Full PDB file with SEQRES, HELIX, SHEET, SSBOND, CRYST1, ORIGX, SCALE, CONECT and MASTER records, all heavy atoms in Angstrom:
SEQRES   1 A   38  GLU CYS VAL LEU HIS LEU ASP VAL TRP SER VAL HIS ARG          
SEQRES   2 A   38  SER ILE GLN PHE ARG MET TRP LEU ASP MET THR TYR PRO          
SEQRES   3 A   38  TRP ILE LYS TYR ARG PHE VAL PRO GLY GLY CYS THR              
HELIX    1 AA1 SER A   10  ARG A   13  1                                   4    
HELIX    2 AA2 ILE A   15  THR A   24  1                                  10    
SHEET    1 AA1 2 CYS A   2  LEU A   6  0                                        
SHEET    2 AA1 2 ILE A  28  PHE A  32  1                                        
CRYST1    1.000    1.000    1.000  90.00  90.00  90.00 P 1           1          
ORIGX1      1.000000  0.000000  0.000000        0.00000                         
ORIGX2      0.000000  1.000000  0.000000        0.00000                         
ORIGX3      0.000000  0.000000  1.000000        0.00000                         
SCALE1      1.000000  0.000000  0.000000        0.00000                         
SCALE2      0.000000  1.000000  0.000000        0.00000                         
SCALE3      0.000000  0.000000  1.000000        0.00000                         
ATOM      1  N   GLU A   1     107.825  83.494 121.034  1.00  0.00           N  
ATOM      2  CA  GLU A   1     107.281  84.812 120.713  1.00  0.00           C  
ATOM      3  C   GLU A   1     106.848  84.863 119.250  1.00  0.00           C  
ATOM      4  O   GLU A   1     107.454  84.228 118.377  1.00  0.00           O  
ATOM      5  CB  GLU A   1     108.312  85.890 121.021  1.00  0.00           C  
ATOM      6  CG  GLU A   1     108.566  86.012 122.516  1.00  0.00           C  
ATOM      7  CD  GLU A   1     109.582  87.089 122.869  1.00  0.00           C  
ATOM      8  OE1 GLU A   1     110.669  87.085 122.263  1.00  0.00           O  
ATOM      9  OE2 GLU A   1     109.278  87.904 123.751  1.00  0.00           O  
ATOM     10  N   CYS A   2     105.781  85.637 118.994  1.00  0.00           N  
ATOM     11  CA  CYS A   2     105.196  85.759 117.665  1.00  0.00           C  
ATOM     12  C   CYS A   2     104.913  87.226 117.381  1.00  0.00           C  
ATOM     13  O   CYS A   2     104.763  88.036 118.303  1.00  0.00           O  
ATOM     14  CB  CYS A   2     103.892  84.961 117.578  1.00  0.00           C  
ATOM     15  SG  CYS A   2     104.062  83.183 117.941  1.00  0.00           S  
ATOM     16  N   VAL A   3     104.820  87.561 116.101  1.00  0.00           N  
ATOM     17  CA  VAL A   3     104.594  88.951 115.692  1.00  0.00           C  
ATOM     18  C   VAL A   3     103.203  89.093 115.088  1.00  0.00           C  
ATOM     19  O   VAL A   3     102.838  88.357 114.159  1.00  0.00           O  
ATOM     20  CB  VAL A   3     105.646  89.410 114.667  1.00  0.00           C  
ATOM     21  CG1 VAL A   3     105.317  90.821 114.162  1.00  0.00           C  
ATOM     22  CG2 VAL A   3     107.033  89.383 115.283  1.00  0.00           C  
ATOM     23  N   LEU A   4     102.452  90.040 115.619  1.00  0.00           N  
ATOM     24  CA  LEU A   4     101.148  90.408 115.072  1.00  0.00           C  
ATOM     25  C   LEU A   4     101.301  91.757 114.388  1.00  0.00           C  
ATOM     26  O   LEU A   4     101.618  92.760 115.024  1.00  0.00           O  
ATOM     27  CB  LEU A   4     100.101  90.492 116.185  1.00  0.00           C  
ATOM     28  CG  LEU A   4      98.726  91.044 115.791  1.00  0.00           C  
ATOM     29  CD1 LEU A   4      98.096  90.194 114.691  1.00  0.00           C  
ATOM     30  CD2 LEU A   4      97.812  91.111 117.010  1.00  0.00           C  
ATOM     31  N   HIS A   5     101.094  91.768 113.077  1.00  0.00           N  
ATOM     32  CA  HIS A   5     101.257  92.988 112.279  1.00  0.00           C  
ATOM     33  C   HIS A   5      99.880  93.607 112.063  1.00  0.00           C  
ATOM     34  O   HIS A   5      98.985  92.973 111.498  1.00  0.00           O  
ATOM     35  CB  HIS A   5     101.905  92.634 110.945  1.00  0.00           C  
ATOM     36  CG  HIS A   5     102.773  93.711 110.407  1.00  0.00           C  
ATOM     37  ND1 HIS A   5     103.166  93.770 109.089  1.00  0.00           N  
ATOM     38  CD2 HIS A   5     103.338  94.794 110.992  1.00  0.00           C  
ATOM     39  CE1 HIS A   5     103.933  94.821 108.893  1.00  0.00           C  
ATOM     40  NE2 HIS A   5     104.052  95.457 110.025  1.00  0.00           N  
ATOM     41  N   LEU A   6      99.708  94.856 112.494  1.00  0.00           N  
ATOM     42  CA  LEU A   6      98.413  95.529 112.470  1.00  0.00           C  
ATOM     43  C   LEU A   6      98.514  96.851 111.732  1.00  0.00           C  
ATOM     44  O   LEU A   6      99.591  97.445 111.650  1.00  0.00           O  
ATOM     45  CB  LEU A   6      97.939  95.828 113.900  1.00  0.00           C  
ATOM     46  CG  LEU A   6      97.801  94.667 114.874  1.00  0.00           C  
ATOM     47  CD1 LEU A   6      97.944  95.163 116.298  1.00  0.00           C  
ATOM     48  CD2 LEU A   6      96.458  93.989 114.697  1.00  0.00           C  
ATOM     49  N   ASP A   7      97.357  97.351 111.251  1.00  0.00           N  
ATOM     50  CA  ASP A   7      97.359  98.716 110.756  1.00  0.00           C  
ATOM     51  C   ASP A   7      97.081  99.664 111.937  1.00  0.00           C  
ATOM     52  O   ASP A   7      96.855  99.219 113.069  1.00  0.00           O  
ATOM     53  CB  ASP A   7      96.351  98.905 109.619  1.00  0.00           C  
ATOM     54  CG  ASP A   7      94.910  98.635 110.037  1.00  0.00           C  
ATOM     55  OD1 ASP A   7      94.622  98.642 111.251  1.00  0.00           O  
ATOM     56  OD2 ASP A   7      94.066  98.435 109.150  1.00  0.00           O  
ATOM     57  N   VAL A   8      97.109 100.951 111.660  1.00  0.00           N  
ATOM     58  CA  VAL A   8      97.034 101.922 112.749  1.00  0.00           C  
ATOM     59  C   VAL A   8      95.600 102.363 113.033  1.00  0.00           C  
ATOM     60  O   VAL A   8      95.342 103.499 113.408  1.00  0.00           O  
ATOM     61  CB  VAL A   8      97.914 103.163 112.466  1.00  0.00           C  
ATOM     62  CG1 VAL A   8      99.376 102.809 112.539  1.00  0.00           C  
ATOM     63  CG2 VAL A   8      97.582 103.779 111.100  1.00  0.00           C  
ATOM     64  N   TRP A   9      94.648 101.450 112.871  1.00  0.00           N  
ATOM     65  CA  TRP A   9      93.254 101.731 113.225  1.00  0.00           C  
ATOM     66  C   TRP A   9      93.170 102.019 114.716  1.00  0.00           C  
ATOM     67  O   TRP A   9      93.933 101.484 115.527  1.00  0.00           O  
ATOM     68  CB  TRP A   9      92.401 100.532 112.835  1.00  0.00           C  
ATOM     69  CG  TRP A   9      90.941 100.708 113.078  1.00  0.00           C  
ATOM     70  CD1 TRP A   9      90.161 101.775 112.742  1.00  0.00           C  
ATOM     71  CD2 TRP A   9      90.074  99.769 113.731  1.00  0.00           C  
ATOM     72  NE1 TRP A   9      88.868 101.568 113.131  1.00  0.00           N  
ATOM     73  CE2 TRP A   9      88.781 100.342 113.739  1.00  0.00           C  
ATOM     74  CE3 TRP A   9      90.262  98.503 114.290  1.00  0.00           C  
ATOM     75  CZ2 TRP A   9      87.687  99.701 114.289  1.00  0.00           C  
ATOM     76  CZ3 TRP A   9      89.173  97.864 114.834  1.00  0.00           C  
ATOM     77  CH2 TRP A   9      87.890  98.457 114.831  1.00  0.00           C  
ATOM     78  N   SER A  10      92.233 102.877 115.096  1.00  0.00           N  
ATOM     79  CA  SER A  10      92.164 103.382 116.470  1.00  0.00           C  
ATOM     80  C   SER A  10      92.038 102.277 117.514  1.00  0.00           C  
ATOM     81  O   SER A  10      92.657 102.356 118.580  1.00  0.00           O  
ATOM     82  CB  SER A  10      90.999 104.374 116.614  1.00  0.00           C  
ATOM     83  OG  SER A  10      89.768 103.750 116.249  1.00  0.00           O  
ATOM     84  N   VAL A  11      91.246 101.235 117.241  1.00  0.00           N  
ATOM     85  CA  VAL A  11      91.095 100.149 118.219  1.00  0.00           C  
ATOM     86  C   VAL A  11      92.405  99.397 118.384  1.00  0.00           C  
ATOM     87  O   VAL A  11      92.799  99.030 119.496  1.00  0.00           O  
ATOM     88  CB  VAL A  11      89.959  99.196 117.811  1.00  0.00           C  
ATOM     89  CG1 VAL A  11      89.915  97.981 118.737  1.00  0.00           C  
ATOM     90  CG2 VAL A  11      88.615  99.915 117.833  1.00  0.00           C  
ATOM     91  N   HIS A  12      93.116  99.170 117.282  1.00  0.00           N  
ATOM     92  CA  HIS A  12      94.401  98.474 117.365  1.00  0.00           C  
ATOM     93  C   HIS A  12      95.403  99.263 118.200  1.00  0.00           C  
ATOM     94  O   HIS A  12      96.190  98.687 118.955  1.00  0.00           O  
ATOM     95  CB  HIS A  12      94.990  98.258 115.965  1.00  0.00           C  
ATOM     96  CG  HIS A  12      94.161  97.371 115.101  1.00  0.00           C  
ATOM     97  ND1 HIS A  12      94.297  97.331 113.724  1.00  0.00           N  
ATOM     98  CD2 HIS A  12      93.181  96.485 115.403  1.00  0.00           C  
ATOM     99  CE1 HIS A  12      93.449  96.458 113.219  1.00  0.00           C  
ATOM    100  NE2 HIS A  12      92.758  95.937 114.207  1.00  0.00           N  
ATOM    101  N   ARG A  13      95.403 100.574 118.034  1.00  0.00           N  
ATOM    102  CA  ARG A  13      96.377 101.416 118.729  1.00  0.00           C  
ATOM    103  C   ARG A  13      95.942 101.795 120.136  1.00  0.00           C  
ATOM    104  O   ARG A  13      96.727 102.385 120.886  1.00  0.00           O  
ATOM    105  CB  ARG A  13      96.614 102.707 117.931  1.00  0.00           C  
ATOM    106  CG  ARG A  13      97.324 102.497 116.617  1.00  0.00           C  
ATOM    107  CD  ARG A  13      97.649 103.825 115.934  1.00  0.00           C  
ATOM    108  NE  ARG A  13      96.442 104.545 115.505  1.00  0.00           N  
ATOM    109  CZ  ARG A  13      95.929 105.612 116.104  1.00  0.00           C  
ATOM    110  NH1 ARG A  13      96.506 106.108 117.185  1.00  0.00           N  
ATOM    111  NH2 ARG A  13      94.853 106.194 115.628  1.00  0.00           N  
ATOM    112  N   SER A  14      94.727 101.467 120.513  1.00  0.00           N  
ATOM    113  CA  SER A  14      94.206 101.909 121.806  1.00  0.00           C  
ATOM    114  C   SER A  14      95.021 101.336 122.965  1.00  0.00           C  
ATOM    115  O   SER A  14      95.530 100.210 122.900  1.00  0.00           O  
ATOM    116  CB  SER A  14      92.736 101.495 121.957  1.00  0.00           C  
ATOM    117  OG  SER A  14      92.625 100.086 122.058  1.00  0.00           O  
ATOM    118  N   ILE A  15      95.140 102.110 124.012  1.00  0.00           N  
ATOM    119  CA  ILE A  15      95.835 101.653 125.220  1.00  0.00           C  
ATOM    120  C   ILE A  15      95.158 100.415 125.772  1.00  0.00           C  
ATOM    121  O   ILE A  15      95.811  99.470 126.236  1.00  0.00           O  
ATOM    122  CB  ILE A  15      95.876 102.776 126.268  1.00  0.00           C  
ATOM    123  CG1 ILE A  15      96.754 103.934 125.761  1.00  0.00           C  
ATOM    124  CG2 ILE A  15      96.396 102.259 127.612  1.00  0.00           C  
ATOM    125  CD1 ILE A  15      96.780 105.134 126.685  1.00  0.00           C  
ATOM    126  N   GLN A  16      93.831 100.397 125.706  1.00  0.00           N  
ATOM    127  CA  GLN A  16      93.067  99.261 126.233  1.00  0.00           C  
ATOM    128  C   GLN A  16      93.465  97.958 125.552  1.00  0.00           C  
ATOM    129  O   GLN A  16      93.739  96.953 126.222  1.00  0.00           O  
ATOM    130  CB  GLN A  16      91.572  99.522 126.031  1.00  0.00           C  
ATOM    131  CG  GLN A  16      90.664  98.451 126.639  1.00  0.00           C  
ATOM    132  CD  GLN A  16      89.196  98.737 126.385  1.00  0.00           C  
ATOM    133  OE1 GLN A  16      88.837  99.326 125.362  1.00  0.00           O  
ATOM    134  NE2 GLN A  16      88.342  98.339 127.300  1.00  0.00           N  
ATOM    135  N   PHE A  17      93.524  97.967 124.229  1.00  0.00           N  
ATOM    136  CA  PHE A  17      93.863  96.739 123.499  1.00  0.00           C  
ATOM    137  C   PHE A  17      95.323  96.354 123.701  1.00  0.00           C  
ATOM    138  O   PHE A  17      95.650  95.182 123.919  1.00  0.00           O  
ATOM    139  CB  PHE A  17      93.556  96.911 122.011  1.00  0.00           C  
ATOM    140  CG  PHE A  17      93.842  95.693 121.182  1.00  0.00           C  
ATOM    141  CD1 PHE A  17      93.187  94.494 121.432  1.00  0.00           C  
ATOM    142  CD2 PHE A  17      94.761  95.736 120.137  1.00  0.00           C  
ATOM    143  CE1 PHE A  17      93.445  93.361 120.669  1.00  0.00           C  
ATOM    144  CE2 PHE A  17      95.020  94.619 119.366  1.00  0.00           C  
ATOM    145  CZ  PHE A  17      94.358  93.433 119.629  1.00  0.00           C  
ATOM    146  N   ARG A  18      96.209  97.329 123.662  1.00  0.00           N  
ATOM    147  CA  ARG A  18      97.627  97.027 123.821  1.00  0.00           C  
ATOM    148  C   ARG A  18      97.944  96.517 125.223  1.00  0.00           C  
ATOM    149  O   ARG A  18      98.741  95.586 125.391  1.00  0.00           O  
ATOM    150  CB  ARG A  18      98.461  98.260 123.485  1.00  0.00           C  
ATOM    151  CG  ARG A  18      98.485  98.571 121.985  1.00  0.00           C  
ATOM    152  CD  ARG A  18      99.384  99.730 121.649  1.00  0.00           C  
ATOM    153  NE  ARG A  18      98.820 100.996 122.065  1.00  0.00           N  
ATOM    154  CZ  ARG A  18      99.492 101.988 122.632  1.00  0.00           C  
ATOM    155  NH1 ARG A  18     100.784 101.869 122.884  1.00  0.00           N  
ATOM    156  NH2 ARG A  18      98.892 103.122 122.962  1.00  0.00           N  
ATOM    157  N   MET A  19      97.306  97.101 126.228  1.00  0.00           N  
ATOM    158  CA  MET A  19      97.509  96.618 127.611  1.00  0.00           C  
ATOM    159  C   MET A  19      96.967  95.204 127.765  1.00  0.00           C  
ATOM    160  O   MET A  19      97.573  94.358 128.437  1.00  0.00           O  
ATOM    161  CB  MET A  19      96.850  97.570 128.604  1.00  0.00           C  
ATOM    162  CG  MET A  19      97.568  98.895 128.785  1.00  0.00           C  
ATOM    163  SD  MET A  19      96.837  99.907 130.100  1.00  0.00           S  
ATOM    164  CE  MET A  19      97.116  98.869 131.541  1.00  0.00           C  
ATOM    165  N   TRP A  20      95.821  94.940 127.127  1.00  0.00           N  
ATOM    166  CA  TRP A  20      95.234  93.600 127.220  1.00  0.00           C  
ATOM    167  C   TRP A  20      96.177  92.576 126.587  1.00  0.00           C  
ATOM    168  O   TRP A  20      96.398  91.499 127.164  1.00  0.00           O  
ATOM    169  CB  TRP A  20      93.875  93.580 126.524  1.00  0.00           C  
ATOM    170  CG  TRP A  20      93.244  92.226 126.516  1.00  0.00           C  
ATOM    171  CD1 TRP A  20      92.540  91.633 127.527  1.00  0.00           C  
ATOM    172  CD2 TRP A  20      93.286  91.264 125.449  1.00  0.00           C  
ATOM    173  NE1 TRP A  20      92.142  90.365 127.159  1.00  0.00           N  
ATOM    174  CE2 TRP A  20      92.584  90.121 125.889  1.00  0.00           C  
ATOM    175  CE3 TRP A  20      93.843  91.279 124.165  1.00  0.00           C  
ATOM    176  CZ2 TRP A  20      92.422  89.001 125.084  1.00  0.00           C  
ATOM    177  CZ3 TRP A  20      93.688  90.160 123.373  1.00  0.00           C  
ATOM    178  CH2 TRP A  20      92.986  89.031 123.832  1.00  0.00           C  
ATOM    179  N   LEU A  21      96.730  92.900 125.416  1.00  0.00           N  
ATOM    180  CA  LEU A  21      97.687  91.989 124.781  1.00  0.00           C  
ATOM    181  C   LEU A  21      98.906  91.772 125.660  1.00  0.00           C  
ATOM    182  O   LEU A  21      99.361  90.632 125.854  1.00  0.00           O  
ATOM    183  CB  LEU A  21      98.123  92.547 123.425  1.00  0.00           C  
ATOM    184  CG  LEU A  21      97.225  92.302 122.220  1.00  0.00           C  
ATOM    185  CD1 LEU A  21      97.787  93.011 120.992  1.00  0.00           C  
ATOM    186  CD2 LEU A  21      97.059  90.811 121.945  1.00  0.00           C  
ATOM    187  N   ASP A  22      99.461  92.861 126.216  1.00  0.00           N  
ATOM    188  CA  ASP A  22     100.665  92.757 127.039  1.00  0.00           C  
ATOM    189  C   ASP A  22     100.438  91.878 128.263  1.00  0.00           C  
ATOM    190  O   ASP A  22     101.319  91.092 128.651  1.00  0.00           O  
ATOM    191  CB  ASP A  22     101.108  94.146 127.497  1.00  0.00           C  
ATOM    192  CG  ASP A  22     101.636  94.995 126.346  1.00  0.00           C  
ATOM    193  OD1 ASP A  22     102.036  94.423 125.319  1.00  0.00           O  
ATOM    194  OD2 ASP A  22     101.639  96.240 126.479  1.00  0.00           O  
ATOM    195  N   MET A  23      99.271  91.992 128.870  1.00  0.00           N  
ATOM    196  CA  MET A  23      98.988  91.253 130.101  1.00  0.00           C  
ATOM    197  C   MET A  23      98.556  89.814 129.817  1.00  0.00           C  
ATOM    198  O   MET A  23      98.911  88.898 130.550  1.00  0.00           O  
ATOM    199  CB  MET A  23      97.899  91.974 130.898  1.00  0.00           C  
ATOM    200  CG  MET A  23      98.312  93.347 131.424  1.00  0.00           C  
ATOM    201  SD  MET A  23      96.970  94.202 132.312  1.00  0.00           S  
ATOM    202  CE  MET A  23      96.725  93.082 133.689  1.00  0.00           C  
ATOM    203  N   THR A  24      97.767  89.607 128.743  1.00  0.00           N  
ATOM    204  CA  THR A  24      97.200  88.283 128.472  1.00  0.00           C  
ATOM    205  C   THR A  24      98.151  87.398 127.683  1.00  0.00           C  
ATOM    206  O   THR A  24      98.270  86.192 127.956  1.00  0.00           O  
ATOM    207  CB  THR A  24      95.870  88.430 127.707  1.00  0.00           C  
ATOM    208  OG1 THR A  24      95.043  89.401 128.351  1.00  0.00           O  
ATOM    209  CG2 THR A  24      95.136  87.097 127.643  1.00  0.00           C  
ATOM    210  N   TYR A  25      98.827  87.983 126.715  1.00  0.00           N  
ATOM    211  CA  TYR A  25      99.744  87.220 125.858  1.00  0.00           C  
ATOM    212  C   TYR A  25     101.060  87.986 125.705  1.00  0.00           C  
ATOM    213  O   TYR A  25     101.331  88.573 124.648  1.00  0.00           O  
ATOM    214  CB  TYR A  25      99.117  86.977 124.481  1.00  0.00           C  
ATOM    215  CG  TYR A  25      97.809  86.228 124.523  1.00  0.00           C  
ATOM    216  CD1 TYR A  25      96.599  86.890 124.301  1.00  0.00           C  
ATOM    217  CD2 TYR A  25      97.769  84.865 124.794  1.00  0.00           C  
ATOM    218  CE1 TYR A  25      95.394  86.208 124.332  1.00  0.00           C  
ATOM    219  CE2 TYR A  25      96.579  84.167 124.843  1.00  0.00           C  
ATOM    220  CZ  TYR A  25      95.388  84.846 124.611  1.00  0.00           C  
ATOM    221  OH  TYR A  25      94.193  84.163 124.652  1.00  0.00           O  
ATOM    222  N   PRO A  26     101.890  87.980 126.721  1.00  0.00           N  
ATOM    223  CA  PRO A  26     103.149  88.743 126.642  1.00  0.00           C  
ATOM    224  C   PRO A  26     104.073  88.252 125.532  1.00  0.00           C  
ATOM    225  O   PRO A  26     104.997  88.975 125.145  1.00  0.00           O  
ATOM    226  CB  PRO A  26     103.771  88.532 128.032  1.00  0.00           C  
ATOM    227  CG  PRO A  26     103.106  87.316 128.586  1.00  0.00           C  
ATOM    228  CD  PRO A  26     101.719  87.314 128.024  1.00  0.00           C  
ATOM    229  N   TRP A  27     103.838  87.058 125.007  1.00  0.00           N  
ATOM    230  CA  TRP A  27     104.677  86.531 123.939  1.00  0.00           C  
ATOM    231  C   TRP A  27     104.235  87.020 122.554  1.00  0.00           C  
ATOM    232  O   TRP A  27     104.909  86.745 121.558  1.00  0.00           O  
ATOM    233  CB  TRP A  27     104.697  85.004 123.961  1.00  0.00           C  
ATOM    234  CG  TRP A  27     103.354  84.344 124.088  1.00  0.00           C  
ATOM    235  CD1 TRP A  27     102.710  83.991 125.240  1.00  0.00           C  
ATOM    236  CD2 TRP A  27     102.486  83.959 123.009  1.00  0.00           C  
ATOM    237  NE1 TRP A  27     101.490  83.411 124.946  1.00  0.00           N  
ATOM    238  CE2 TRP A  27     101.339  83.378 123.589  1.00  0.00           C  
ATOM    239  CE3 TRP A  27     102.574  84.039 121.618  1.00  0.00           C  
ATOM    240  CZ2 TRP A  27     100.272  82.890 122.826  1.00  0.00           C  
ATOM    241  CZ3 TRP A  27     101.524  83.563 120.846  1.00  0.00           C  
ATOM    242  CH2 TRP A  27     100.398  82.997 121.455  1.00  0.00           C  
ATOM    243  N   ILE A  28     103.117  87.760 122.480  1.00  0.00           N  
ATOM    244  CA  ILE A  28     102.695  88.360 121.213  1.00  0.00           C  
ATOM    245  C   ILE A  28     103.299  89.756 121.113  1.00  0.00           C  
ATOM    246  O   ILE A  28     103.021  90.630 121.931  1.00  0.00           O  
ATOM    247  CB  ILE A  28     101.160  88.439 121.100  1.00  0.00           C  
ATOM    248  CG1 ILE A  28     100.548  87.036 121.060  1.00  0.00           C  
ATOM    249  CG2 ILE A  28     100.762  89.230 119.844  1.00  0.00           C  
ATOM    250  CD1 ILE A  28      99.026  87.031 120.944  1.00  0.00           C  
ATOM    251  N   LYS A  29     104.126  89.959 120.127  1.00  0.00           N  
ATOM    252  CA  LYS A  29     104.764  91.256 119.892  1.00  0.00           C  
ATOM    253  C   LYS A  29     104.047  91.941 118.727  1.00  0.00           C  
ATOM    254  O   LYS A  29     104.105  91.467 117.597  1.00  0.00           O  
ATOM    255  CB  LYS A  29     106.249  91.078 119.574  1.00  0.00           C  
ATOM    256  CG  LYS A  29     107.001  90.275 120.624  1.00  0.00           C  
ATOM    257  CD  LYS A  29     106.873  90.900 122.010  1.00  0.00           C  
ATOM    258  CE  LYS A  29     107.563  90.058 123.070  1.00  0.00           C  
ATOM    259  NZ  LYS A  29     107.377  90.608 124.431  1.00  0.00           N  
ATOM    260  N   TYR A  30     103.329  92.989 119.006  1.00  0.00           N  
ATOM    261  CA  TYR A  30     102.549  93.659 117.960  1.00  0.00           C  
ATOM    262  C   TYR A  30     103.354  94.804 117.348  1.00  0.00           C  
ATOM    263  O   TYR A  30     104.062  95.537 118.026  1.00  0.00           O  
ATOM    264  CB  TYR A  30     101.207  94.168 118.519  1.00  0.00           C  
ATOM    265  CG  TYR A  30     101.322  94.923 119.823  1.00  0.00           C  
ATOM    266  CD1 TYR A  30     101.531  96.301 119.855  1.00  0.00           C  
ATOM    267  CD2 TYR A  30     101.199  94.241 121.032  1.00  0.00           C  
ATOM    268  CE1 TYR A  30     101.642  96.981 121.059  1.00  0.00           C  
ATOM    269  CE2 TYR A  30     101.317  94.923 122.245  1.00  0.00           C  
ATOM    270  CZ  TYR A  30     101.529  96.290 122.235  1.00  0.00           C  
ATOM    271  OH  TYR A  30     101.646  96.978 123.437  1.00  0.00           O  
ATOM    272  N   ARG A  31     103.246  94.914 116.056  1.00  0.00           N  
ATOM    273  CA  ARG A  31     103.910  95.981 115.304  1.00  0.00           C  
ATOM    274  C   ARG A  31     102.899  96.577 114.339  1.00  0.00           C  
ATOM    275  O   ARG A  31     101.986  95.899 113.875  1.00  0.00           O  
ATOM    276  CB  ARG A  31     105.130  95.445 114.539  1.00  0.00           C  
ATOM    277  CG  ARG A  31     106.212  94.855 115.430  1.00  0.00           C  
ATOM    278  CD  ARG A  31     106.884  95.918 116.285  1.00  0.00           C  
ATOM    279  NE  ARG A  31     107.960  95.388 117.117  1.00  0.00           N  
ATOM    280  CZ  ARG A  31     107.807  94.998 118.383  1.00  0.00           C  
ATOM    281  NH1 ARG A  31     106.610  95.074 118.953  1.00  0.00           N  
ATOM    282  NH2 ARG A  31     108.829  94.530 119.071  1.00  0.00           N  
ATOM    283  N   PHE A  32     103.071  97.863 114.010  1.00  0.00           N  
ATOM    284  CA  PHE A  32     102.082  98.570 113.214  1.00  0.00           C  
ATOM    285  C   PHE A  32     102.601  98.947 111.827  1.00  0.00           C  
ATOM    286  O   PHE A  32     103.737  99.386 111.682  1.00  0.00           O  
ATOM    287  CB  PHE A  32     101.627  99.842 113.940  1.00  0.00           C  
ATOM    288  CG  PHE A  32     100.896  99.569 115.227  1.00  0.00           C  
ATOM    289  CD1 PHE A  32     101.559  99.694 116.442  1.00  0.00           C  
ATOM    290  CD2 PHE A  32      99.576  99.180 115.224  1.00  0.00           C  
ATOM    291  CE1 PHE A  32     100.896  99.442 117.637  1.00  0.00           C  
ATOM    292  CE2 PHE A  32      98.912  98.917 116.407  1.00  0.00           C  
ATOM    293  CZ  PHE A  32      99.560  99.040 117.619  1.00  0.00           C  
ATOM    294  N   VAL A  33     101.747  98.756 110.830  1.00  0.00           N  
ATOM    295  CA  VAL A  33     102.032  99.256 109.493  1.00  0.00           C  
ATOM    296  C   VAL A  33     101.947 100.782 109.547  1.00  0.00           C  
ATOM    297  O   VAL A  33     100.970 101.325 110.046  1.00  0.00           O  
ATOM    298  CB  VAL A  33     101.020  98.720 108.470  1.00  0.00           C  
ATOM    299  CG1 VAL A  33     101.274  99.311 107.096  1.00  0.00           C  
ATOM    300  CG2 VAL A  33     101.053  97.198 108.424  1.00  0.00           C  
ATOM    301  N   PRO A  34     102.944 101.505 109.096  1.00  0.00           N  
ATOM    302  CA  PRO A  34     102.893 102.969 109.167  1.00  0.00           C  
ATOM    303  C   PRO A  34     101.668 103.534 108.461  1.00  0.00           C  
ATOM    304  O   PRO A  34     101.229 103.005 107.429  1.00  0.00           O  
ATOM    305  CB  PRO A  34     104.184 103.404 108.472  1.00  0.00           C  
ATOM    306  CG  PRO A  34     105.100 102.221 108.588  1.00  0.00           C  
ATOM    307  CD  PRO A  34     104.211 101.030 108.520  1.00  0.00           C  
ATOM    308  N   GLY A  35     101.097 104.592 109.018  1.00  0.00           N  
ATOM    309  CA  GLY A  35      99.917 105.212 108.446  1.00  0.00           C  
ATOM    310  C   GLY A  35     100.124 105.651 107.008  1.00  0.00           C  
ATOM    311  O   GLY A  35     101.157 106.228 106.663  1.00  0.00           O  
ATOM    312  N   GLY A  36      99.138 105.367 106.174  1.00  0.00           N  
ATOM    313  CA  GLY A  36      99.209 105.756 104.774  1.00  0.00           C  
ATOM    314  C   GLY A  36     100.093 104.886 103.912  1.00  0.00           C  
ATOM    315  O   GLY A  36     100.298 105.184 102.738  1.00  0.00           O  
ATOM    316  N   CYS A  37     100.619 103.792 104.476  1.00  0.00           N  
ATOM    317  CA  CYS A  37     101.587 102.978 103.734  1.00  0.00           C  
ATOM    318  C   CYS A  37     101.077 101.561 103.459  1.00  0.00           C  
ATOM    319  O   CYS A  37     101.854 100.729 102.967  1.00  0.00           O  
ATOM    320  CB  CYS A  37     102.908 102.896 104.503  1.00  0.00           C  
ATOM    321  SG  CYS A  37     103.733 104.487 104.695  1.00  0.00           S  
ATOM    322  N   THR A  38      99.821 101.270 103.736  1.00  0.00           N  
ATOM    323  CA  THR A  38      99.323  99.917 103.536  1.00  0.00           C  
ATOM    324  C   THR A  38      99.504  99.467 102.098  1.00  0.00           C  
ATOM    325  O   THR A  38      99.910  98.338 101.826  1.00  0.00           O  
ATOM    326  CB  THR A  38      97.835  99.830 103.919  1.00  0.00           C  
ATOM    327  OG1 THR A  38      97.685 100.161 105.297  1.00  0.00           O  
ATOM    328  CG2 THR A  38      97.293  98.439 103.678  1.00  0.00           C  
TER     329      THR A  38                                                      
MASTER        0    0    0    2    2    0    0    6  328    1    0    3          
END                                                                             
């Protein structure tokens, strides 16, 4: 398993992208940088 650290941009947070990651690469665990804290 690996961690992908993302900001909270709309495409990153979209259900479409998150579902695609979950289904295609279940070993990728995505986490988000809190908004306004980059």
